[in-house]
Amino acid sequence: MRRPHPSDLVGLTWRKSSRSGSNSNCVEIGSLSTAVAVRDSKDPDGPCLIVDRPDWLAFIDAVKHREFDLSW
């Protein structure tokens, strides 16, 4: 991850998961040329992360394969 430069975010279109429904605990993503920006949907003017695209795709793949599920 790298710290976003304000110019990275100019004109960025943000989108929230269609599965988020009315739940307020959501993140939004914005697609950059070589990365993905991620922010808290409740705080759109707050900080965001920029994740290199290969790392983002690896994270999404891990989520789909339930690698982060907790066994209680």
PDB file of N, CA and C in Angstrom:
ATOM      1  N   MET A   1       0.837  -1.177   0.000  1.00  0.00           N
ATOM      2  CA  MET A   1       0.000   0.000   0.000  1.00  0.00           C
ATOM      3  C   MET A   1       0.879   1.237   0.000  1.00  0.00           C
ATOM      4  N   ARG A   2       0.347   2.269  -0.580  1.00  0.00           N
ATOM      5  CA  ARG A   2       1.078   3.528  -0.570  1.00  0.00           C
ATOM      6  C   ARG A   2       0.120   4.638  -0.182  1.00  0.00           C
ATOM      7  N   ARG A   3       0.691   5.693   0.297  1.00  0.00           N
ATOM      8  CA  ARG A   3      -0.115   6.846   0.696  1.00  0.00           C
ATOM      9  C   ARG A   3      -0.614   7.560  -0.567  1.00  0.00           C
ATOM     10  N   PRO A   4      -1.911   7.844  -0.632  1.00  0.00           N
ATOM     11  CA  PRO A   4      -2.430   8.482  -1.835  1.00  0.00           C
ATOM     12  C   PRO A   4      -2.001   9.938  -1.959  1.00  0.00           C
ATOM     13  N   HIS A   5      -1.727  10.332  -3.170  1.00  0.00           N
ATOM     14  CA  HIS A   5      -1.484  11.741  -3.465  1.00  0.00           C
ATOM     15  C   HIS A   5      -2.845  12.322  -3.843  1.00  0.00           C
ATOM     16  N   PRO A   6      -3.191  13.512  -3.361  1.00  0.00           N
ATOM     17  CA  PRO A   6      -4.512  14.081  -3.677  1.00  0.00           C
ATOM     18  C   PRO A   6      -4.840  14.078  -5.165  1.00  0.00           C
ATOM     19  N   SER A   7      -3.851  14.237  -6.026  1.00  0.00           N
ATOM     20  CA  SER A   7      -4.136  14.240  -7.461  1.00  0.00           C
ATOM     21  C   SER A   7      -4.576  12.857  -7.958  1.00  0.00           C
ATOM     22  N   ASP A   8      -4.247  11.787  -7.195  1.00  0.00           N
ATOM     23  CA  ASP A   8      -4.690  10.441  -7.568  1.00  0.00           C
ATOM     24  C   ASP A   8      -6.207  10.314  -7.521  1.00  0.00           C
ATOM     25  N   LEU A   9      -6.843  11.127  -6.686  1.00  0.00           N
ATOM     26  CA  LEU A   9      -8.258  10.951  -6.400  1.00  0.00           C
ATOM     27  C   LEU A   9      -9.170  11.925  -7.136  1.00  0.00           C
ATOM     28  N   VAL A  10      -8.597  12.863  -7.876  1.00  0.00           N
ATOM     29  CA  VAL A  10      -9.396  13.854  -8.589  1.00  0.00           C
ATOM     30  C   VAL A  10     -10.237  13.150  -9.648  1.00  0.00           C
ATOM     31  N   GLY A  11     -11.545  13.367  -9.588  1.00  0.00           N
ATOM     32  CA  GLY A  11     -12.465  12.798 -10.571  1.00  0.00           C
ATOM     33  C   GLY A  11     -12.701  11.307 -10.436  1.00  0.00           C
ATOM     34  N   LEU A  12     -12.251  10.712  -9.351  1.00  0.00           N
ATOM     35  CA  LEU A  12     -12.407   9.275  -9.152  1.00  0.00           C
ATOM     36  C   LEU A  12     -13.870   8.940  -8.879  1.00  0.00           C
ATOM     37  N   THR A  13     -14.377   7.909  -9.529  1.00  0.00           N
ATOM     38  CA  THR A  13     -15.733   7.425  -9.275  1.00  0.00           C
ATOM     39  C   THR A  13     -15.652   6.318  -8.237  1.00  0.00           C
ATOM     40  N   TRP A  14     -16.382   6.492  -7.145  1.00  0.00           N
ATOM     41  CA  TRP A  14     -16.383   5.522  -6.056  1.00  0.00           C
ATOM     42  C   TRP A  14     -17.611   4.633  -6.186  1.00  0.00           C
ATOM     43  N   ARG A  15     -17.471   3.358  -5.781  1.00  0.00           N
ATOM     44  CA  ARG A  15     -18.634   2.481  -5.762  1.00  0.00           C
ATOM     45  C   ARG A  15     -18.616   1.598  -4.526  1.00  0.00           C
ATOM     46  N   LYS A  16     -19.821   1.298  -4.066  1.00  0.00           N
ATOM     47  CA  LYS A  16     -20.004   0.485  -2.873  1.00  0.00           C
ATOM     48  C   LYS A  16     -20.552  -0.873  -3.307  1.00  0.00           C
ATOM     49  N   SER A  17     -20.234  -1.905  -2.579  1.00  0.00           N
ATOM     50  CA  SER A  17     -20.712  -3.236  -2.904  1.00  0.00           C
ATOM     51  C   SER A  17     -22.228  -3.280  -2.967  1.00  0.00           C
ATOM     52  N   SER A  18     -22.747  -3.992  -3.945  1.00  0.00           N
ATOM     53  CA  SER A  18     -24.201  -4.158  -4.051  1.00  0.00           C
ATOM     54  C   SER A  18     -24.735  -5.022  -2.920  1.00  0.00           C
ATOM     55  N   ARG A  19     -23.868  -5.742  -2.237  1.00  0.00           N
ATOM     56  CA  ARG A  19     -24.281  -6.584  -1.111  1.00  0.00           C
ATOM     57  C   ARG A  19     -24.327  -5.827   0.212  1.00  0.00           C
ATOM     58  N   SER A  20     -23.962  -4.572   0.201  1.00  0.00           N
ATOM     59  CA  SER A  20     -23.904  -3.820   1.455  1.00  0.00           C
ATOM     60  C   SER A  20     -25.290  -3.458   1.969  1.00  0.00           C
ATOM     61  N   GLY A  21     -26.280  -3.354   1.102  1.00  0.00           N
ATOM     62  CA  GLY A  21     -27.645  -3.049   1.527  1.00  0.00           C
ATOM     63  C   GLY A  21     -27.710  -1.775   2.330  1.00  0.00           C
ATOM     64  N   SER A  22     -28.471  -1.802   3.426  1.00  0.00           N
ATOM     65  CA  SER A  22     -28.623  -0.606   4.258  1.00  0.00           C
ATOM     66  C   SER A  22     -27.619  -0.574   5.406  1.00  0.00           C
ATOM     67  N   ASN A  23     -26.751  -1.570   5.478  1.00  0.00           N
ATOM     68  CA  ASN A  23     -25.736  -1.621   6.526  1.00  0.00           C
ATOM     69  C   ASN A  23     -24.767  -0.448   6.346  1.00  0.00           C
ATOM     70  N   SER A  24     -24.451   0.226   7.430  1.00  0.00           N
ATOM     71  CA  SER A  24     -23.575   1.395   7.327  1.00  0.00           C
ATOM     72  C   SER A  24     -22.093   1.042   7.446  1.00  0.00           C
ATOM     73  N   ASN A  25     -21.776  -0.220   7.661  1.00  0.00           N
ATOM     74  CA  ASN A  25     -20.376  -0.640   7.784  1.00  0.00           C
ATOM     75  C   ASN A  25     -19.850  -1.094   6.430  1.00  0.00           C
ATOM     76  N   CYS A  26     -19.572  -0.144   5.569  1.00  0.00           N
ATOM     77  CA  CYS A  26     -19.192  -0.472   4.192  1.00  0.00           C
ATOM     78  C   CYS A  26     -17.921   0.260   3.788  1.00  0.00           C
ATOM     79  N   VAL A  27     -17.280  -0.282   2.797  1.00  0.00           N
ATOM     80  CA  VAL A  27     -16.163   0.399   2.163  1.00  0.00           C
ATOM     81  C   VAL A  27     -16.557   0.692   0.726  1.00  0.00           C
ATOM     82  N   GLU A  28     -15.892   1.664   0.148  1.00  0.00           N
ATOM     83  CA  GLU A  28     -16.074   1.993  -1.251  1.00  0.00           C
ATOM     84  C   GLU A  28     -14.728   1.840  -1.937  1.00  0.00           C
ATOM     85  N   ILE A  29     -14.771   1.492  -3.210  1.00  0.00           N
ATOM     86  CA  ILE A  29     -13.534   1.393  -3.976  1.00  0.00           C
ATOM     87  C   ILE A  29     -13.612   2.305  -5.191  1.00  0.00           C
ATOM     88  N   GLY A  30     -12.454   2.755  -5.596  1.00  0.00           N
ATOM     89  CA  GLY A  30     -12.321   3.549  -6.805  1.00  0.00           C
ATOM     90  C   GLY A  30     -11.167   2.989  -7.615  1.00  0.00           C
ATOM     91  N   SER A  31     -11.382   2.822  -8.906  1.00  0.00           N
ATOM     92  CA  SER A  31     -10.371   2.210  -9.760  1.00  0.00           C
ATOM     93  C   SER A  31      -9.429   3.262 -10.328  1.00  0.00           C
ATOM     94  N   LEU A  32      -8.141   3.066 -10.084  1.00  0.00           N
ATOM     95  CA  LEU A  32      -7.085   3.893 -10.665  1.00  0.00           C
ATOM     96  C   LEU A  32      -6.405   3.076 -11.761  1.00  0.00           C
ATOM     97  N   SER A  33      -5.533   3.674 -12.520  1.00  0.00           N
ATOM     98  CA  SER A  33      -4.922   2.959 -13.647  1.00  0.00           C
ATOM     99  C   SER A  33      -4.151   1.712 -13.216  1.00  0.00           C
ATOM    100  N   THR A  34      -3.394   1.776 -12.142  1.00  0.00           N
ATOM    101  CA  THR A  34      -2.606   0.618 -11.710  1.00  0.00           C
ATOM    102  C   THR A  34      -2.886   0.217 -10.272  1.00  0.00           C
ATOM    103  N   ALA A  35      -3.946   0.784  -9.688  1.00  0.00           N
ATOM    104  CA  ALA A  35      -4.223   0.535  -8.280  1.00  0.00           C
ATOM    105  C   ALA A  35      -5.712   0.662  -8.002  1.00  0.00           C
ATOM    106  N   VAL A  36      -6.070   0.393  -6.754  1.00  0.00           N
ATOM    107  CA  VAL A  36      -7.448   0.532  -6.282  1.00  0.00           C
ATOM    108  C   VAL A  36      -7.416   1.393  -5.030  1.00  0.00           C
ATOM    109  N   ALA A  37      -8.283   2.394  -4.977  1.00  0.00           N
ATOM    110  CA  ALA A  37      -8.417   3.230  -3.785  1.00  0.00           C
ATOM    111  C   ALA A  37      -9.558   2.668  -2.936  1.00  0.00           C
ATOM    112  N   VAL A  38      -9.381   2.652  -1.625  1.00  0.00           N
ATOM    113  CA  VAL A  38     -10.371   2.099  -0.701  1.00  0.00           C
ATOM    114  C   VAL A  38     -10.615   3.124   0.395  1.00  0.00           C
ATOM    115  N   ARG A  39     -11.912   3.373   0.689  1.00  0.00           N
ATOM    116  CA  ARG A  39     -12.245   4.320   1.758  1.00  0.00           C
ATOM    117  C   ARG A  39     -13.489   3.854   2.506  1.00  0.00           C
ATOM    118  N   ASP A  40     -13.702   4.430   3.673  1.00  0.00           N
ATOM    119  CA  ASP A  40     -14.878   4.174   4.501  1.00  0.00           C
ATOM    120  C   ASP A  40     -16.045   4.965   3.922  1.00  0.00           C
ATOM    121  N   SER A  41     -17.140   4.289   3.609  1.00  0.00           N
ATOM    122  CA  SER A  41     -18.278   4.975   2.990  1.00  0.00           C
ATOM    123  C   SER A  41     -18.924   5.990   3.927  1.00  0.00           C
ATOM    124  N   LYS A  42     -18.750   5.823   5.233  1.00  0.00           N
ATOM    125  CA  LYS A  42     -19.327   6.773   6.190  1.00  0.00           C
ATOM    126  C   LYS A  42     -18.503   8.054   6.294  1.00  0.00           C
ATOM    127  N   ASP A  43     -17.280   8.027   5.785  1.00  0.00           N
ATOM    128  CA  ASP A  43     -16.376   9.172   5.896  1.00  0.00           C
ATOM    129  C   ASP A  43     -15.717   9.448   4.543  1.00  0.00           C
ATOM    130  N   PRO A  44     -16.506   9.862   3.544  1.00  0.00           N
ATOM    131  CA  PRO A  44     -15.953  10.022   2.194  1.00  0.00           C
ATOM    132  C   PRO A  44     -14.865  11.079   2.082  1.00  0.00           C
ATOM    133  N   ASP A  45     -14.800  12.008   3.014  1.00  0.00           N
ATOM    134  CA  ASP A  45     -13.748  13.021   2.981  1.00  0.00           C
ATOM    135  C   ASP A  45     -12.564  12.648   3.852  1.00  0.00           C
ATOM    136  N   GLY A  46     -12.639  11.476   4.474  1.00  0.00           N
ATOM    137  CA  GLY A  46     -11.564  11.022   5.346  1.00  0.00           C
ATOM    138  C   GLY A  46     -10.453  10.347   4.553  1.00  0.00           C
ATOM    139  N   PRO A  47      -9.578   9.665   5.257  1.00  0.00           N
ATOM    140  CA  PRO A  47      -8.433   9.038   4.608  1.00  0.00           C
ATOM    141  C   PRO A  47      -8.848   7.850   3.739  1.00  0.00           C
ATOM    142  N   CYS A  48      -7.988   7.496   2.824  1.00  0.00           N
ATOM    143  CA  CYS A  48      -8.206   6.296   2.020  1.00  0.00           C
ATOM    144  C   CYS A  48      -6.865   5.599   1.819  1.00  0.00           C
ATOM    145  N   LEU A  49      -6.943   4.359   1.398  1.00  0.00           N
ATOM    146  CA  LEU A  49      -5.757   3.571   1.085  1.00  0.00           C
ATOM    147  C   LEU A  49      -5.686   3.383  -0.417  1.00  0.00           C
ATOM    148  N   ILE A  50      -4.494   3.302  -0.936  1.00  0.00           N
ATOM    149  CA  ILE A  50      -4.315   2.936  -2.334  1.00  0.00           C
ATOM    150  C   ILE A  50      -3.520   1.642  -2.345  1.00  0.00           C
ATOM    151  N   VAL A  51      -4.103   0.626  -2.953  1.00  0.00           N
ATOM    152  CA  VAL A  51      -3.519  -0.708  -2.993  1.00  0.00           C
ATOM    153  C   VAL A  51      -3.171  -1.031  -4.440  1.00  0.00           C
ATOM    154  N   ASP A  52      -1.948  -1.487  -4.675  1.00  0.00           N
ATOM    155  CA  ASP A  52      -1.563  -1.886  -6.023  1.00  0.00           C
ATOM    156  C   ASP A  52      -2.516  -2.979  -6.516  1.00  0.00           C
ATOM    157  N   ARG A  53      -2.868  -2.923  -7.800  1.00  0.00           N
ATOM    158  CA  ARG A  53      -3.878  -3.833  -8.355  1.00  0.00           C
ATOM    159  C   ARG A  53      -3.562  -5.313  -8.104  1.00  0.00           C
ATOM    160  N   PRO A  54      -2.335  -5.806  -8.299  1.00  0.00           N
ATOM    161  CA  PRO A  54      -2.076  -7.231  -8.030  1.00  0.00           C
ATOM    162  C   PRO A  54      -2.353  -7.618  -6.566  1.00  0.00           C
ATOM    163  N   ASP A  55      -2.020  -6.727  -5.639  1.00  0.00           N
ATOM    164  CA  ASP A  55      -2.290  -7.004  -4.225  1.00  0.00           C
ATOM    165  C   ASP A  55      -3.787  -7.009  -3.948  1.00  0.00           C
ATOM    166  N   TRP A  56      -4.524  -6.103  -4.579  1.00  0.00           N
ATOM    167  CA  TRP A  56      -5.982  -6.057  -4.408  1.00  0.00           C
ATOM    168  C   TRP A  56      -6.610  -7.348  -4.942  1.00  0.00           C
ATOM    169  N   LEU A  57      -6.180  -7.781  -6.119  1.00  0.00           N
ATOM    170  CA  LEU A  57      -6.736  -8.997  -6.700  1.00  0.00           C
ATOM    171  C   LEU A  57      -6.413 -10.223  -5.839  1.00  0.00           C
ATOM    172  N   ALA A  58      -5.225 -10.264  -5.251  1.00  0.00           N
ATOM    173  CA  ALA A  58      -4.868 -11.362  -4.349  1.00  0.00           C
ATOM    174  C   ALA A  58      -5.750 -11.337  -3.100  1.00  0.00           C
ATOM    175  N   PHE A  59      -6.023 -10.145  -2.579  1.00  0.00           N
ATOM    176  CA  PHE A  59      -6.902 -10.015  -1.408  1.00  0.00           C
ATOM    177  C   PHE A  59      -8.309 -10.509  -1.737  1.00  0.00           C
ATOM    178  N   ILE A  60      -8.871 -10.076  -2.862  1.00  0.00           N
ATOM    179  CA  ILE A  60     -10.214 -10.500  -3.254  1.00  0.00           C
ATOM    180  C   ILE A  60     -10.272 -12.011  -3.445  1.00  0.00           C
ATOM    181  N   ASP A  61      -9.242 -12.588  -4.050  1.00  0.00           N
ATOM    182  CA  ASP A  61      -9.192 -14.031  -4.233  1.00  0.00           C
ATOM    183  C   ASP A  61      -9.173 -14.752  -2.884  1.00  0.00           C
ATOM    184  N   ALA A  62      -8.403 -14.236  -1.940  1.00  0.00           N
ATOM    185  CA  ALA A  62      -8.341 -14.840  -0.608  1.00  0.00           C
ATOM    186  C   ALA A  62      -9.697 -14.761   0.096  1.00  0.00           C
ATOM    187  N   VAL A  63     -10.391 -13.650  -0.053  1.00  0.00           N
ATOM    188  CA  VAL A  63     -11.732 -13.517   0.542  1.00  0.00           C
ATOM    189  C   VAL A  63     -12.675 -14.548  -0.069  1.00  0.00           C
ATOM    190  N   LYS A  64     -12.659 -14.671  -1.390  1.00  0.00           N
ATOM    191  CA  LYS A  64     -13.533 -15.634  -2.067  1.00  0.00           C
ATOM    192  C   LYS A  64     -13.258 -17.069  -1.618  1.00  0.00           C
ATOM    193  N   HIS A  65     -12.008 -17.345  -1.265  1.00  0.00           N
ATOM    194  CA  HIS A  65     -11.644 -18.692  -0.813  1.00  0.00           C
ATOM    195  C   HIS A  65     -11.715 -18.835   0.704  1.00  0.00           C
ATOM    196  N   ARG A  66     -12.337 -17.855   1.353  1.00  0.00           N
ATOM    197  CA  ARG A  66     -12.617 -17.881   2.797  1.00  0.00           C
ATOM    198  C   ARG A  66     -11.363 -18.007   3.651  1.00  0.00           C
ATOM    199  N   GLU A  67     -10.255 -17.445   3.187  1.00  0.00           N
ATOM    200  CA  GLU A  67      -9.010 -17.539   3.937  1.00  0.00           C
ATOM    201  C   GLU A  67      -9.008 -16.690   5.209  1.00  0.00           C
ATOM    202  N   PHE A  68      -9.953 -15.770   5.327  1.00  0.00           N
ATOM    203  CA  PHE A  68     -10.004 -14.909   6.497  1.00  0.00           C
ATOM    204  C   PHE A  68     -11.126 -15.286   7.452  1.00  0.00           C
ATOM    205  N   ASP A  69     -11.864 -16.356   7.163  1.00  0.00           N
ATOM    206  CA  ASP A  69     -12.943 -16.771   8.059  1.00  0.00           C
ATOM    207  C   ASP A  69     -12.353 -17.221   9.387  1.00  0.00           C
ATOM    208  N   LEU A  70     -13.003 -16.810  10.455  1.00  0.00           N
ATOM    209  CA  LEU A  70     -12.526 -17.147  11.790  1.00  0.00           C
ATOM    210  C   LEU A  70     -13.262 -18.378  12.311  1.00  0.00           C
ATOM    211  N   SER A  71     -12.551 -19.252  12.939  1.00  0.00           N
ATOM    212  CA  SER A  71     -13.157 -20.431  13.588  1.00  0.00           C
ATOM    213  C   SER A  71     -13.253 -20.133  15.066  1.00  0.00           C
ATOM    214  N   TRP A  72     -14.456 -20.004  15.570  1.00  0.00           N
ATOM    215  CA  TRP A  72     -14.635 -19.691  16.993  1.00  0.00           C
ATOM    216  C   TRP A  72     -14.955 -20.923  17.733  1.00  0.00           C
TER     217      TRP A  72
END
